[in-house]
Amino acid sequence: MSAMRGSAQGGGGEVGKLHVLAVDDSSVSRKLIEKLLRGSLYRVTVVDSGKRALELLGAGKENGSSSKGSSALRDIPVVIMSSENLPNRVSRCMEEGAEDFLLKPLRPADVPRLMSIMSGSTK
């Protein structure tokens, strides 16, 4: 399963460029996500675990709360991607605060939908 978070923070020559953090335990999926999103002019960071993602987001020390419950992370959109289309999993992800749920593998046709979610135009 993958999770993606987006924010408008950029650094260096990428100020204002939408920054996406893609999390996936599969190296193949991480490379695919990175390639598709970089081709869409995103600033992309990929990591292999939720723990590492939370560390990068500065939430690694917030014990006992969900990442979406954290005041620092509440406004960052989350999109869940999974190869398993299980209605209970989709519902649970959406209840926990995900903006959307996409089936893997991610396809080029999914990128505009992700761009819309990450830019906040779906809220």
Protein backbone atom coordinates (compact mmCIF):
# COMPACT_ATOMS: atom_id res chain seq x y z
CA MET A 1 0.00 0.00 0.00
CA SER A 2 1.17 3.52 -0.74
CA ALA A 3 0.42 6.84 0.78
CA MET A 4 1.13 10.19 -0.76
CA ARG A 5 1.18 13.57 0.87
CA GLY A 6 1.46 16.89 -0.82
CA SER A 7 2.44 20.34 0.33
CA ALA A 8 3.37 23.58 -1.37
CA GLN A 9 6.68 23.88 0.43
CA GLY A 10 9.72 23.87 -1.76
CA GLY A 11 13.38 24.47 -1.28
CA GLY A 12 16.14 26.06 -3.29
CA GLY A 13 15.18 26.32 -6.95
CA GLU A 14 11.92 24.54 -6.28
CA VAL A 15 10.17 27.22 -4.22
CA GLY A 16 6.44 27.08 -4.84
CA LYS A 17 6.69 23.70 -6.59
CA LEU A 18 4.24 21.20 -5.17
CA HIS A 19 6.12 18.70 -3.01
CA VAL A 20 4.86 15.14 -2.82
CA LEU A 21 6.01 12.52 -0.34
CA ALA A 22 5.31 9.04 -1.71
CA VAL A 23 5.52 6.08 0.67
CA ASP A 24 5.62 2.52 -0.56
CA ASP A 25 7.35 -0.65 0.61
CA SER A 26 7.84 -1.81 -2.99
CA SER A 27 10.91 -0.36 -4.74
CA VAL A 28 9.23 -0.92 -8.12
CA SER A 29 6.15 1.04 -7.05
CA ARG A 30 8.30 3.84 -5.61
CA LYS A 31 10.20 4.18 -8.89
CA LEU A 32 6.97 4.20 -10.92
CA ILE A 33 5.34 6.82 -8.70
CA GLU A 34 8.47 8.96 -8.74
CA LYS A 35 8.76 8.79 -12.53
CA LEU A 36 5.11 9.64 -13.15
CA LEU A 37 5.06 12.54 -10.72
CA ARG A 38 8.42 14.03 -11.72
CA GLY A 39 7.17 13.98 -15.29
CA SER A 40 4.35 16.20 -14.03
CA LEU A 41 6.75 18.76 -12.55
CA TYR A 42 6.28 17.76 -8.93
CA ARG A 43 9.08 17.84 -6.40
CA VAL A 44 9.06 14.20 -5.25
CA THR A 45 10.50 12.46 -2.22
CA VAL A 46 10.05 8.69 -1.95
CA VAL A 47 10.51 6.57 1.16
CA ASP A 48 9.90 2.94 2.01
CA SER A 49 7.94 3.16 5.26
CA GLY A 50 5.34 5.13 7.13
CA LYS A 51 7.78 5.52 10.01
CA ARG A 52 10.34 7.20 7.73
CA ALA A 53 7.63 9.41 6.24
CA LEU A 54 6.55 10.60 9.68
CA GLU A 55 10.16 11.34 10.59
CA LEU A 56 10.55 13.46 7.45
CA LEU A 57 7.32 15.27 8.28
CA GLY A 58 8.54 15.95 11.81
CA ALA A 59 5.89 13.77 13.40
CA GLY A 60 8.03 10.81 14.41
CA LYS A 61 7.82 11.75 18.07
CA GLU A 62 4.07 12.18 18.27
CA ASN A 63 3.05 8.96 20.02
CA GLY A 64 -0.46 7.70 20.28
CA SER A 65 -2.09 9.83 17.60
CA SER A 66 -2.78 9.32 13.94
CA SER A 67 -0.77 11.42 11.54
CA LYS A 68 -3.89 13.20 10.27
CA GLY A 69 -4.76 14.06 13.88
CA SER A 70 -1.51 15.96 14.31
CA SER A 71 -2.00 19.71 14.11
CA ALA A 72 1.16 20.03 12.02
CA LEU A 73 -0.04 17.51 9.43
CA ARG A 74 -3.80 17.99 9.43
CA ASP A 75 -3.95 20.09 6.27
CA ILE A 76 -1.67 17.92 4.14
CA PRO A 77 -3.75 15.89 1.65
CA VAL A 78 -3.28 12.12 1.74
CA VAL A 79 -4.01 9.75 -1.14
CA ILE A 80 -3.88 6.01 -0.51
CA MET A 81 -2.92 3.64 -3.31
CA SER A 82 -3.30 -0.12 -3.05
CA SER A 83 -3.39 -3.11 -5.36
CA GLU A 84 -6.18 -4.52 -3.18
CA ASN A 85 -9.62 -3.12 -3.91
CA LEU A 86 -11.20 -4.09 -0.59
CA PRO A 87 -14.28 -2.00 0.29
CA ASN A 88 -13.55 -2.17 4.03
CA ARG A 89 -9.98 -0.93 3.50
CA VAL A 90 -11.13 1.90 1.23
CA SER A 91 -13.77 2.96 3.77
CA ARG A 92 -11.32 2.83 6.66
CA CYS A 93 -8.73 4.93 4.79
CA MET A 94 -11.34 7.53 3.91
CA GLU A 95 -12.65 7.60 7.50
CA GLU A 96 -9.09 8.15 8.76
CA GLY A 97 -8.75 11.25 6.61
CA ALA A 98 -7.50 10.17 3.19
CA GLU A 99 -8.60 12.44 0.35
CA ASP A 100 -8.81 9.63 -2.17
CA PHE A 101 -8.02 5.97 -2.79
CA LEU A 102 -6.44 4.83 -6.08
CA LEU A 103 -5.78 1.33 -7.34
CA LYS A 104 -2.21 0.38 -8.23
CA PRO A 105 -0.46 0.38 -10.50
CA LEU A 106 -0.63 4.14 -10.87
CA ARG A 107 -1.15 5.13 -14.49
CA PRO A 108 -0.40 8.36 -16.35
CA ALA A 109 -4.18 8.95 -16.53
CA ASP A 110 -4.24 9.11 -12.69
CA VAL A 111 -1.80 12.03 -12.54
CA PRO A 112 -4.33 14.82 -13.31
CA ARG A 113 -6.60 13.47 -10.56
CA LEU A 114 -3.67 13.48 -8.13
CA MET A 115 -2.70 17.00 -9.21
CA SER A 116 -6.22 18.17 -8.41
CA ILE A 117 -6.16 16.55 -4.97
CA MET A 118 -2.68 17.75 -4.09
CA SER A 119 -3.39 21.32 -5.15
CA GLY A 120 -6.43 21.39 -2.89
CA SER A 121 -8.98 21.98 -5.60
CA THR A 122 -11.10 19.05 -4.38
CA LYS A 123 -11.69 20.56 -0.94
